[in-house]
PDB file of N, CA and C in Angstrom:
ATOM      1  N   MET A   1       0.724  -1.269   0.078  1.00  0.00           N
ATOM      2  CA  MET A   1      -0.138   0.105  -0.020  1.00  0.00           C
ATOM      3  C   MET A   1       0.751   1.080  -0.165  1.00  0.00           C
ATOM      4  N   SER A   2       2.037   0.930   0.723  1.00  0.00           N
ATOM      5  CA  SER A   2       2.801   2.477   0.690  1.00  0.00           C
ATOM      6  C   SER A   2       3.426   2.647  -0.686  1.00  0.00           C
ATOM      7  N   CYS A   3       3.465   1.599  -1.551  1.00  0.00           N
ATOM      8  CA  CYS A   3       4.196   1.880  -2.780  1.00  0.00           C
ATOM      9  C   CYS A   3       2.898   2.704  -3.670  1.00  0.00           C
ATOM     10  N   PHE A   4       1.827   2.486  -3.458  1.00  0.00           N
ATOM     11  CA  PHE A   4       0.993   3.106  -4.106  1.00  0.00           C
ATOM     12  C   PHE A   4       0.588   4.711  -3.603  1.00  0.00           C
ATOM     13  N   ILE A   5       0.966   4.915  -2.467  1.00  0.00           N
ATOM     14  CA  ILE A   5       0.915   6.151  -1.815  1.00  0.00           C
ATOM     15  C   ILE A   5       2.342   6.989  -2.426  1.00  0.00           C
ATOM     16  N   THR A   6       3.305   6.365  -2.402  1.00  0.00           N
ATOM     17  CA  THR A   6       4.641   7.240  -2.811  1.00  0.00           C
ATOM     18  C   THR A   6       4.477   7.356  -4.268  1.00  0.00           C
ATOM     19  N   LEU A   7       3.461   6.497  -5.301  1.00  0.00           N
ATOM     20  CA  LEU A   7       3.402   6.642  -6.315  1.00  0.00           C
ATOM     21  C   LEU A   7       2.559   7.908  -6.737  1.00  0.00           C
ATOM     22  N   SER A   8       1.291   7.835  -5.965  1.00  0.00           N
ATOM     23  CA  SER A   8       0.375   8.784  -5.917  1.00  0.00           C
ATOM     24  C   SER A   8       1.251  10.342  -5.827  1.00  0.00           C
ATOM     25  N   GLU A   9       2.073  10.327  -4.863  1.00  0.00           N
ATOM     26  CA  GLU A   9       2.857  11.684  -4.206  1.00  0.00           C
ATOM     27  C   GLU A   9       3.609  12.272  -5.558  1.00  0.00           C
ATOM     28  N   ARG A  10       4.364  11.209  -5.956  1.00  0.00           N
ATOM     29  CA  ARG A  10       5.206  11.363  -7.160  1.00  0.00           C
ATOM     30  C   ARG A  10       4.592  11.863  -8.792  1.00  0.00           C
ATOM     31  N   GLN A  11       3.413  11.016  -8.827  1.00  0.00           N
ATOM     32  CA  GLN A  11       2.583  11.658  -9.769  1.00  0.00           C
ATOM     33  C   GLN A  11       1.891  13.180  -9.453  1.00  0.00           C
ATOM     34  N   THR A  12       1.504  13.340  -8.261  1.00  0.00           N
ATOM     35  CA  THR A  12       0.977  15.006  -7.985  1.00  0.00           C
ATOM     36  C   THR A  12       2.104  15.802  -8.152  1.00  0.00           C
ATOM     37  N   HIS A  13       3.165  15.577  -7.650  1.00  0.00           N
ATOM     38  CA  HIS A  13       4.321  16.502  -8.049  1.00  0.00           C
ATOM     39  C   HIS A  13       4.566  16.693  -9.311  1.00  0.00           C
ATOM     40  N   GLU A  14       4.493  15.608 -10.017  1.00  0.00           N
ATOM     41  CA  GLU A  14       4.825  15.803 -11.549  1.00  0.00           C
ATOM     42  C   GLU A  14       3.548  16.654 -12.140  1.00  0.00           C
ATOM     43  N   ILE A  15       2.516  16.432 -11.867  1.00  0.00           N
ATOM     44  CA  ILE A  15       1.373  17.082 -12.603  1.00  0.00           C
ATOM     45  C   ILE A  15       1.679  18.588 -11.866  1.00  0.00           C
ATOM     46  N   ARG A  16       1.835  19.004 -10.926  1.00  0.00           N
ATOM     47  CA  ARG A  16       1.877  20.196 -10.243  1.00  0.00           C
ATOM     48  C   ARG A  16       3.102  21.177 -11.205  1.00  0.00           C
ATOM     49  N   LYS A  17       4.176  20.326 -11.290  1.00  0.00           N
ATOM     50  CA  LYS A  17       5.453  20.974 -12.097  1.00  0.00           C
ATOM     51  C   LYS A  17       4.803  21.226 -13.425  1.00  0.00           C
ATOM     52  N   ARG A  18       4.272  20.223 -14.209  1.00  0.00           N
ATOM     53  CA  ARG A  18       3.697  20.610 -15.745  1.00  0.00           C
ATOM     54  C   ARG A  18       2.569  21.572 -15.688  1.00  0.00           C
ATOM     55  N   PHE A  19       1.823  21.870 -14.449  1.00  0.00           N
ATOM     56  CA  PHE A  19       0.829  22.689 -14.612  1.00  0.00           C
ATOM     57  C   PHE A  19       1.203  24.346 -14.420  1.00  0.00           C
ATOM     58  N   PHE A  20       2.428  23.993 -13.390  1.00  0.00           N
ATOM     59  CA  PHE A  20       3.325  25.524 -13.164  1.00  0.00           C
ATOM     60  C   PHE A  20       3.901  26.014 -14.455  1.00  0.00           C
ATOM     61  N   ALA A  21       4.313  24.923 -15.306  1.00  0.00           N
ATOM     62  CA  ALA A  21       5.227  25.031 -16.604  1.00  0.00           C
ATOM     63  C   ALA A  21       4.338  25.550 -17.492  1.00  0.00           C
ATOM     64  N   ALA A  22       3.115  24.996 -17.658  1.00  0.00           N
ATOM     65  CA  ALA A  22       2.156  25.524 -18.444  1.00  0.00           C
ATOM     66  C   ALA A  22       1.468  26.947 -18.293  1.00  0.00           C
ATOM     67  N   LEU A  23       1.760  27.212 -16.817  1.00  0.00           N
ATOM     68  CA  LEU A  23       1.128  28.497 -16.460  1.00  0.00           C
ATOM     69  C   LEU A  23       2.432  29.536 -16.974  1.00  0.00           C
ATOM     70  N   LEU A  24       3.350  29.331 -17.062  1.00  0.00           N
ATOM     71  CA  LEU A  24       4.450  30.144 -17.403  1.00  0.00           C
ATOM     72  C   LEU A  24       4.678  30.645 -18.877  1.00  0.00           C
ATOM     73  N   ARG A  25       3.967  29.503 -19.804  1.00  0.00           N
ATOM     74  CA  ARG A  25       4.133  29.601 -21.061  1.00  0.00           C
ATOM     75  C   ARG A  25       2.850  30.636 -21.721  1.00  0.00           C
ATOM     76  N   GLN A  26       1.810  30.893 -20.706  1.00  0.00           N
ATOM     77  CA  GLN A  26       0.703  31.401 -21.390  1.00  0.00           C
ATOM     78  C   GLN A  26       0.934  33.139 -21.575  1.00  0.00           C
ATOM     79  N   GLN A  27       0.171  33.757 -22.660  1.00  0.00           N
ATOM     80  CA  GLN A  27       0.355  34.953 -22.867  1.00  0.00           C
ATOM     81  C   GLN A  27      -0.387  35.975 -21.547  1.00  0.00           C
ATOM     82  N   MET A  28       0.014  37.055 -21.475  1.00  0.00           N
ATOM     83  CA  MET A  28      -0.555  38.264 -20.254  1.00  0.00           C
ATOM     84  C   MET A  28      -2.036  38.036 -20.554  1.00  0.00           C
ATOM     85  N   ALA A  29      -2.593  38.081 -21.918  1.00  0.00           N
ATOM     86  CA  ALA A  29      -4.224  38.243 -22.382  1.00  0.00           C
ATOM     87  C   ALA A  29      -4.753  37.176 -21.406  1.00  0.00           C
ATOM     88  N   TRP A  30      -4.383  35.898 -21.483  1.00  0.00           N
ATOM     89  CA  TRP A  30      -4.779  34.694 -20.718  1.00  0.00           C
ATOM     90  C   TRP A  30      -5.098  34.963 -19.340  1.00  0.00           C
ATOM     91  N   TYR A  31      -4.345  35.788 -18.872  1.00  0.00           N
ATOM     92  CA  TYR A  31      -4.465  35.989 -17.205  1.00  0.00           C
ATOM     93  C   TYR A  31      -5.344  36.966 -16.927  1.00  0.00           C
ATOM     94  N   ASP A  32      -5.840  37.955 -18.044  1.00  0.00           N
ATOM     95  CA  ASP A  32      -6.553  38.765 -17.825  1.00  0.00           C
ATOM     96  C   ASP A  32      -8.191  38.026 -17.752  1.00  0.00           C
ATOM     97  N   LYS A  33      -8.109  37.017 -18.715  1.00  0.00           N
ATOM     98  CA  LYS A  33      -9.273  36.146 -18.725  1.00  0.00           C
ATOM     99  C   LYS A  33      -9.641  35.272 -17.823  1.00  0.00           C
ATOM    100  N   ASN A  34      -8.630  34.672 -16.976  1.00  0.00           N
ATOM    101  CA  ASN A  34      -8.783  33.650 -16.102  1.00  0.00           C
ATOM    102  C   ASN A  34      -8.238  34.127 -14.850  1.00  0.00           C
ATOM    103  N   GLU A  35      -9.094  34.048 -13.679  1.00  0.00           N
ATOM    104  CA  GLU A  35      -8.680  34.474 -12.311  1.00  0.00           C
ATOM    105  C   GLU A  35      -7.538  33.231 -11.745  1.00  0.00           C
ATOM    106  N   THR A  36      -6.670  33.733 -11.410  1.00  0.00           N
ATOM    107  CA  THR A  36      -5.533  32.438 -10.749  1.00  0.00           C
ATOM    108  C   THR A  36      -5.938  31.888  -9.404  1.00  0.00           C
ATOM    109  N   GLY A  37      -6.931  32.522  -8.746  1.00  0.00           N
ATOM    110  CA  GLY A  37      -7.743  32.224  -7.707  1.00  0.00           C
ATOM    111  C   GLY A  37      -8.235  30.573  -8.114  1.00  0.00           C
ATOM    112  N   VAL A  38      -9.257  30.985  -9.040  1.00  0.00           N
ATOM    113  CA  VAL A  38     -10.044  29.771  -9.543  1.00  0.00           C
ATOM    114  C   VAL A  38      -9.223  28.922 -10.239  1.00  0.00           C
ATOM    115  N   LEU A  39      -8.265  29.336 -10.773  1.00  0.00           N
ATOM    116  CA  LEU A  39      -7.337  28.043 -11.536  1.00  0.00           C
ATOM    117  C   LEU A  39      -6.577  27.220 -10.344  1.00  0.00           C
ATOM    118  N   ILE A  40      -6.199  27.745  -9.419  1.00  0.00           N
ATOM    119  CA  ILE A  40      -5.452  27.157  -8.218  1.00  0.00           C
ATOM    120  C   ILE A  40      -6.343  26.269  -7.566  1.00  0.00           C
ATOM    121  N   ASN A  41      -7.648  26.622  -7.097  1.00  0.00           N
ATOM    122  CA  ASN A  41      -8.634  25.813  -6.752  1.00  0.00           C
ATOM    123  C   ASN A  41      -8.753  24.802  -7.714  1.00  0.00           C
ATOM    124  N   LYS A  42      -9.175  24.824  -8.587  1.00  0.00           N
ATOM    125  CA  LYS A  42      -9.095  23.707  -9.593  1.00  0.00           C
ATOM    126  C   LYS A  42      -8.393  22.727  -9.369  1.00  0.00           C
ATOM    127  N   LEU A  43      -6.936  22.837  -9.624  1.00  0.00           N
ATOM    128  CA  LEU A  43      -5.781  22.159  -9.467  1.00  0.00           C
ATOM    129  C   LEU A  43      -5.637  21.538  -8.322  1.00  0.00           C
ATOM    130  N   SER A  44      -5.908  22.309  -7.096  1.00  0.00           N
ATOM    131  CA  SER A  44      -5.811  21.507  -5.893  1.00  0.00           C
ATOM    132  C   SER A  44      -6.975  20.559  -5.431  1.00  0.00           C
ATOM    133  N   ALA A  45      -8.041  20.733  -6.227  1.00  0.00           N
ATOM    134  CA  ALA A  45      -9.172  19.710  -6.124  1.00  0.00           C
ATOM    135  C   ALA A  45      -8.929  18.624  -6.715  1.00  0.00           C
ATOM    136  N   GLY A  46      -8.685  18.777  -8.419  1.00  0.00           N
ATOM    137  CA  GLY A  46      -8.324  17.833  -9.147  1.00  0.00           C
ATOM    138  C   GLY A  46      -6.925  16.822  -8.569  1.00  0.00           C
ATOM    139  N   ILE A  47      -6.058  17.500  -8.139  1.00  0.00           N
ATOM    140  CA  ILE A  47      -4.733  16.737  -7.621  1.00  0.00           C
ATOM    141  C   ILE A  47      -5.317  15.807  -6.658  1.00  0.00           C
ATOM    142  N   ASP A  48      -6.093  16.517  -5.761  1.00  0.00           N
ATOM    143  CA  ASP A  48      -6.246  15.867  -4.483  1.00  0.00           C
ATOM    144  C   ASP A  48      -7.285  14.424  -4.685  1.00  0.00           C
ATOM    145  N   GLN A  49      -7.877  14.725  -5.952  1.00  0.00           N
ATOM    146  CA  GLN A  49      -8.843  13.558  -6.162  1.00  0.00           C
ATOM    147  C   GLN A  49      -7.849  12.619  -6.829  1.00  0.00           C
ATOM    148  N   ILE A  50      -6.963  12.978  -7.826  1.00  0.00           N
ATOM    149  CA  ILE A  50      -5.767  11.974  -8.262  1.00  0.00           C
ATOM    150  C   ILE A  50      -5.108  11.060  -7.081  1.00  0.00           C
ATOM    151  N   LYS A  51      -4.614  12.138  -6.473  1.00  0.00           N
ATOM    152  CA  LYS A  51      -3.885  11.372  -5.060  1.00  0.00           C
ATOM    153  C   LYS A  51      -4.615  10.405  -4.679  1.00  0.00           C
ATOM    154  N   ASP A  52      -6.266  10.582  -4.060  1.00  0.00           N
ATOM    155  CA  ASP A  52      -6.828   9.643  -3.617  1.00  0.00           C
ATOM    156  C   ASP A  52      -6.950   8.534  -4.338  1.00  0.00           C
ATOM    157  N   GLY A  53      -7.146   8.506  -5.685  1.00  0.00           N
ATOM    158  CA  GLY A  53      -7.656   7.915  -6.647  1.00  0.00           C
ATOM    159  C   GLY A  53      -6.535   6.626  -6.877  1.00  0.00           C
ATOM    160  N   ILE A  54      -5.191   7.085  -6.919  1.00  0.00           N
ATOM    161  CA  ILE A  54      -3.932   6.395  -7.215  1.00  0.00           C
ATOM    162  C   ILE A  54      -3.512   5.573  -5.690  1.00  0.00           C
ATOM    163  N   GLY A  55      -3.691   6.659  -4.721  1.00  0.00           N
ATOM    164  CA  GLY A  55      -3.176   5.882  -3.473  1.00  0.00           C
ATOM    165  C   GLY A  55      -3.853   4.870  -2.952  1.00  0.00           C
ATOM    166  N   ASP A  56      -4.880   5.630  -2.236  1.00  0.00           N
ATOM    167  CA  ASP A  56      -5.641   4.540  -1.205  1.00  0.00           C
ATOM    168  C   ASP A  56      -6.854   3.661  -1.921  1.00  0.00           C
ATOM    169  N   LYS A  57      -7.181   4.389  -2.750  1.00  0.00           N
ATOM    170  CA  LYS A  57      -8.445   3.738  -3.310  1.00  0.00           C
ATOM    171  C   LYS A  57      -8.178   2.742  -4.475  1.00  0.00           C
ATOM    172  N   PHE A  58      -7.043   2.761  -5.276  1.00  0.00           N
ATOM    173  CA  PHE A  58      -6.614   1.856  -6.086  1.00  0.00           C
ATOM    174  C   PHE A  58      -5.811   0.849  -5.567  1.00  0.00           C
ATOM    175  N   SER A  59      -5.211   0.906  -4.448  1.00  0.00           N
ATOM    176  CA  SER A  59      -4.605  -0.228  -3.748  1.00  0.00           C
ATOM    177  C   SER A  59      -5.692  -0.909  -2.820  1.00  0.00           C
ATOM    178  N   ILE A  60      -6.627  -0.512  -2.393  1.00  0.00           N
ATOM    179  CA  ILE A  60      -8.186  -1.174  -1.838  1.00  0.00           C
ATOM    180  C   ILE A  60      -8.358  -1.778  -2.703  1.00  0.00           C
ATOM    181  N   LEU A  61      -8.802  -1.065  -3.920  1.00  0.00           N
ATOM    182  CA  LEU A  61      -9.452  -2.476  -4.940  1.00  0.00           C
ATOM    183  C   LEU A  61      -8.845  -3.470  -5.664  1.00  0.00           C
ATOM    184  N   LEU A  62      -7.240  -3.386  -5.590  1.00  0.00           N
ATOM    185  CA  LEU A  62      -6.453  -4.348  -6.004  1.00  0.00           C
ATOM    186  C   LEU A  62      -6.301  -5.350  -5.118  1.00  0.00           C
ATOM    187  N   GLN A  63      -6.292  -4.856  -3.677  1.00  0.00           N
ATOM    188  CA  GLN A  63      -6.320  -5.891  -2.366  1.00  0.00           C
ATOM    189  C   GLN A  63      -7.659  -6.572  -2.469  1.00  0.00           C
ATOM    190  N   ALA A  64      -8.864  -5.973  -2.323  1.00  0.00           N
ATOM    191  CA  ALA A  64     -10.031  -6.594  -2.372  1.00  0.00           C
ATOM    192  C   ALA A  64     -10.238  -7.796  -3.653  1.00  0.00           C
ATOM    193  N   SER A  65      -9.876  -7.148  -4.915  1.00  0.00           N
ATOM    194  CA  SER A  65      -9.886  -8.008  -5.942  1.00  0.00           C
ATOM    195  C   SER A  65      -9.010  -9.509  -5.979  1.00  0.00           C
ATOM    196  N   THR A  66      -7.859  -9.146  -5.192  1.00  0.00           N
ATOM    197  CA  THR A  66      -7.007 -10.357  -5.258  1.00  0.00           C
ATOM    198  C   THR A  66      -7.795 -11.241  -4.304  1.00  0.00           C
ATOM    199  N   HIS A  67      -8.212 -10.576  -3.330  1.00  0.00           N
ATOM    200  CA  HIS A  67      -8.806 -11.684  -2.146  1.00  0.00           C
ATOM    201  C   HIS A  67      -9.971 -12.338  -2.706  1.00  0.00           C
ATOM    202  N   PHE A  68     -10.726 -11.711  -3.441  1.00  0.00           N
ATOM    203  CA  PHE A  68     -11.969 -12.347  -4.052  1.00  0.00           C
ATOM    204  C   PHE A  68     -11.530 -13.245  -5.009  1.00  0.00           C
ATOM    205  N   ILE A  69     -10.732 -13.348  -5.904  1.00  0.00           N
ATOM    206  CA  ILE A  69     -10.100 -14.238  -6.892  1.00  0.00           C
ATOM    207  C   ILE A  69      -9.227 -15.486  -5.979  1.00  0.00           C
ATOM    208  N   PHE A  70      -8.560 -15.291  -5.092  1.00  0.00           N
ATOM    209  CA  PHE A  70      -7.927 -16.062  -4.369  1.00  0.00           C
ATOM    210  C   PHE A  70      -8.904 -17.003  -3.576  1.00  0.00           C
ATOM    211  N   GLY A  71      -9.918 -16.383  -3.069  1.00  0.00           N
ATOM    212  CA  GLY A  71     -10.955 -17.170  -2.144  1.00  0.00           C
ATOM    213  C   GLY A  71     -11.888 -17.897  -3.318  1.00  0.00           C
ATOM    214  N   ILE A  72     -12.119 -17.510  -4.316  1.00  0.00           N
ATOM    215  CA  ILE A  72     -12.907 -18.433  -5.133  1.00  0.00           C
ATOM    216  C   ILE A  72     -12.041 -19.827  -5.874  1.00  0.00           C
ATOM    217  N   ILE A  73     -10.788 -19.444  -5.993  1.00  0.00           N
ATOM    218  CA  ILE A  73      -9.954 -20.570  -6.259  1.00  0.00           C
ATOM    219  C   ILE A  73      -9.714 -21.279  -5.110  1.00  0.00           C
ATOM    220  N   ILE A  74      -9.429 -21.058  -4.077  1.00  0.00           N
ATOM    221  CA  ILE A  74      -9.415 -22.053  -2.570  1.00  0.00           C
ATOM    222  C   ILE A  74     -10.453 -22.565  -2.626  1.00  0.00           C
ATOM    223  N   GLY A  75     -12.101 -21.857  -2.781  1.00  0.00           N
ATOM    224  CA  GLY A  75     -13.142 -22.585  -2.609  1.00  0.00           C
ATOM    225  C   GLY A  75     -13.310 -23.594  -3.438  1.00  0.00           C
ATOM    226  N   LEU A  76     -12.863 -23.420  -4.825  1.00  0.00           N
ATOM    227  CA  LEU A  76     -13.139 -24.392  -5.656  1.00  0.00           C
ATOM    228  C   LEU A  76     -12.205 -25.791  -5.355  1.00  0.00           C
ATOM    229  N   TYR A  77     -11.312 -25.557  -4.809  1.00  0.00           N
ATOM    230  CA  TYR A  77     -10.189 -26.614  -4.598  1.00  0.00           C
ATOM    231  C   TYR A  77     -11.056 -27.634  -3.460  1.00  0.00           C
ATOM    232  N   TYR A  78     -11.526 -26.825  -2.230  1.00  0.00           N
ATOM    233  CA  TYR A  78     -12.037 -27.473  -1.364  1.00  0.00           C
ATOM    234  C   TYR A  78     -13.582 -28.266  -1.384  1.00  0.00           C
ATOM    235  N   SER A  79     -14.153 -27.321  -1.911  1.00  0.00           N
ATOM    236  CA  SER A  79     -15.659 -27.922  -2.494  1.00  0.00           C
ATOM    237  C   SER A  79     -16.306 -27.028  -3.509  1.00  0.00           C
ATOM    238  N   TRP A  80     -16.076 -27.571  -4.701  1.00  0.00           N
ATOM    239  CA  TRP A  80     -16.328 -26.930  -5.990  1.00  0.00           C
ATOM    240  C   TRP A  80     -17.928 -26.956  -6.117  1.00  0.00           C
ATOM    241  N   ASN A  81     -18.555 -27.492  -5.580  1.00  0.00           N
ATOM    242  CA  ASN A  81     -20.112 -27.714  -5.614  1.00  0.00           C
ATOM    243  C   ASN A  81     -20.603 -26.486  -4.718  1.00  0.00           C
ATOM    244  N   MET A  82     -20.260 -26.565  -3.617  1.00  0.00           N
ATOM    245  CA  MET A  82     -20.560 -25.178  -2.711  1.00  0.00           C
ATOM    246  C   MET A  82     -20.107 -23.796  -3.162  1.00  0.00           C
ATOM    247  N   THR A  83     -19.008 -23.719  -3.824  1.00  0.00           N
ATOM    248  CA  THR A  83     -18.472 -22.419  -4.531  1.00  0.00           C
ATOM    249  C   THR A  83     -19.451 -21.948  -5.510  1.00  0.00           C
ATOM    250  N   LEU A  84     -19.670 -23.055  -6.424  1.00  0.00           N
ATOM    251  CA  LEU A  84     -20.402 -22.972  -7.344  1.00  0.00           C
ATOM    252  C   LEU A  84     -21.988 -22.262  -7.038  1.00  0.00           C
ATOM    253  N   LEU A  85     -22.710 -22.708  -5.861  1.00  0.00           N
ATOM    254  CA  LEU A  85     -23.592 -22.612  -5.557  1.00  0.00           C
ATOM    255  C   LEU A  85     -23.836 -21.081  -5.049  1.00  0.00           C
ATOM    256  N   ILE A  86     -22.635 -21.113  -4.171  1.00  0.00           N
ATOM    257  CA  ILE A  86     -22.577 -19.229  -3.726  1.00  0.00           C
ATOM    258  C   ILE A  86     -22.430 -18.637  -4.805  1.00  0.00           C
ATOM    259  N   LEU A  87     -21.517 -18.922  -5.915  1.00  0.00           N
ATOM    260  CA  LEU A  87     -21.557 -17.814  -7.074  1.00  0.00           C
ATOM    261  C   LEU A  87     -22.758 -17.754  -7.789  1.00  0.00           C
ATOM    262  N   LEU A  88     -23.913 -18.653  -7.803  1.00  0.00           N
ATOM    263  CA  LEU A  88     -24.812 -18.342  -8.559  1.00  0.00           C
ATOM    264  C   LEU A  88     -26.112 -17.604  -7.399  1.00  0.00           C
ATOM    265  N   ILE A  89     -25.833 -17.612  -6.028  1.00  0.00           N
ATOM    266  CA  ILE A  89     -26.733 -16.886  -5.250  1.00  0.00           C
ATOM    267  C   ILE A  89     -26.135 -15.463  -4.990  1.00  0.00           C
ATOM    268  N   ALA A  90     -24.883 -15.412  -5.463  1.00  0.00           N
ATOM    269  CA  ALA A  90     -24.395 -13.952  -4.566  1.00  0.00           C
ATOM    270  C   ALA A  90     -24.685 -12.804  -5.589  1.00  0.00           C
ATOM    271  N   PRO A  91     -25.033 -13.022  -6.728  1.00  0.00           N
ATOM    272  CA  PRO A  91     -25.654 -11.670  -7.492  1.00  0.00           C
ATOM    273  C   PRO A  91     -27.070 -11.235  -7.193  1.00  0.00           C
ATOM    274  N   PHE A  92     -28.024 -12.209  -6.727  1.00  0.00           N
ATOM    275  CA  PHE A  92     -29.274 -11.763  -6.032  1.00  0.00           C
ATOM    276  C   PHE A  92     -28.910 -11.210  -4.665  1.00  0.00           C
ATOM    277  N   ILE A  93     -27.933 -11.849  -4.100  1.00  0.00           N
ATOM    278  CA  ILE A  93     -27.692 -10.949  -2.746  1.00  0.00           C
ATOM    279  C   ILE A  93     -27.007  -9.684  -2.799  1.00  0.00           C
ATOM    280  N   ILE A  94     -26.151  -9.564  -3.724  1.00  0.00           N
ATOM    281  CA  ILE A  94     -25.714  -8.013  -4.312  1.00  0.00           C
ATOM    282  C   ILE A  94     -26.921  -6.985  -4.601  1.00  0.00           C
ATOM    283  N   MET A  95     -27.838  -7.484  -5.421  1.00  0.00           N
ATOM    284  CA  MET A  95     -28.924  -6.804  -5.832  1.00  0.00           C
ATOM    285  C   MET A  95     -29.802  -6.351  -4.796  1.00  0.00           C
ATOM    286  N   LEU A  96     -30.064  -7.215  -3.687  1.00  0.00           N
ATOM    287  CA  LEU A  96     -30.583  -6.834  -2.492  1.00  0.00           C
ATOM    288  C   LEU A  96     -30.116  -6.008  -1.643  1.00  0.00           C
ATOM    289  N   LEU A  97     -28.912  -5.994  -1.571  1.00  0.00           N
ATOM    290  CA  LEU A  97     -28.062  -5.022  -0.787  1.00  0.00           C
ATOM    291  C   LEU A  97     -28.289  -3.778  -1.345  1.00  0.00           C
ATOM    292  N   PHE A  98     -27.973  -3.758  -2.648  1.00  0.00           N
ATOM    293  CA  PHE A  98     -27.878  -2.405  -3.206  1.00  0.00           C
ATOM    294  C   PHE A  98     -29.310  -1.906  -3.134  1.00  0.00           C
ATOM    295  N   GLY A  99     -30.531  -2.590  -3.346  1.00  0.00           N
ATOM    296  CA  GLY A  99     -31.792  -2.216  -3.312  1.00  0.00           C
ATOM    297  C   GLY A  99     -32.049  -1.781  -1.742  1.00  0.00           C
ATOM    298  N   SER A 100     -31.513  -2.437  -0.761  1.00  0.00           N
ATOM    299  CA  SER A 100     -31.931  -1.928   0.555  1.00  0.00           C
ATOM    300  C   SER A 100     -31.187  -0.602   0.998  1.00  0.00           C
ATOM    301  N   VAL A 101     -30.003  -0.303   0.444  1.00  0.00           N
ATOM    302  CA  VAL A 101     -29.474   0.891   0.576  1.00  0.00           C
ATOM    303  C   VAL A 101     -29.941   2.125  -0.482  1.00  0.00           C
ATOM    304  N   LYS A 102     -30.819   2.095  -1.009  1.00  0.00           N
ATOM    305  CA  LYS A 102     -31.158   3.115  -1.831  1.00  0.00           C
ATOM    306  C   LYS A 102     -32.773   3.455  -1.111  1.00  0.00           C
TER     307      LYS A 102
END
């Protein structure tokens, strides 16, 4: 998980550097049309979302999907008929859970 957090920090740093370089290349008339406060707020919000997506959320998604796949493999090894029965029933349980949340 720390690898993904480090990766997200590096990516956000690179995005900030490129954004700053792009700001330096703009003409002065462009700054008259665009307010710098709005640009900085958009950049901060966007970078925070990218950082969260690459760091915590992607690592949790990867971990959960790996657990799910290996759980199915182990289940098929020990009791293939019970695992297939659970896999047939699981979509209905998921639909009930999503229906009860809304």
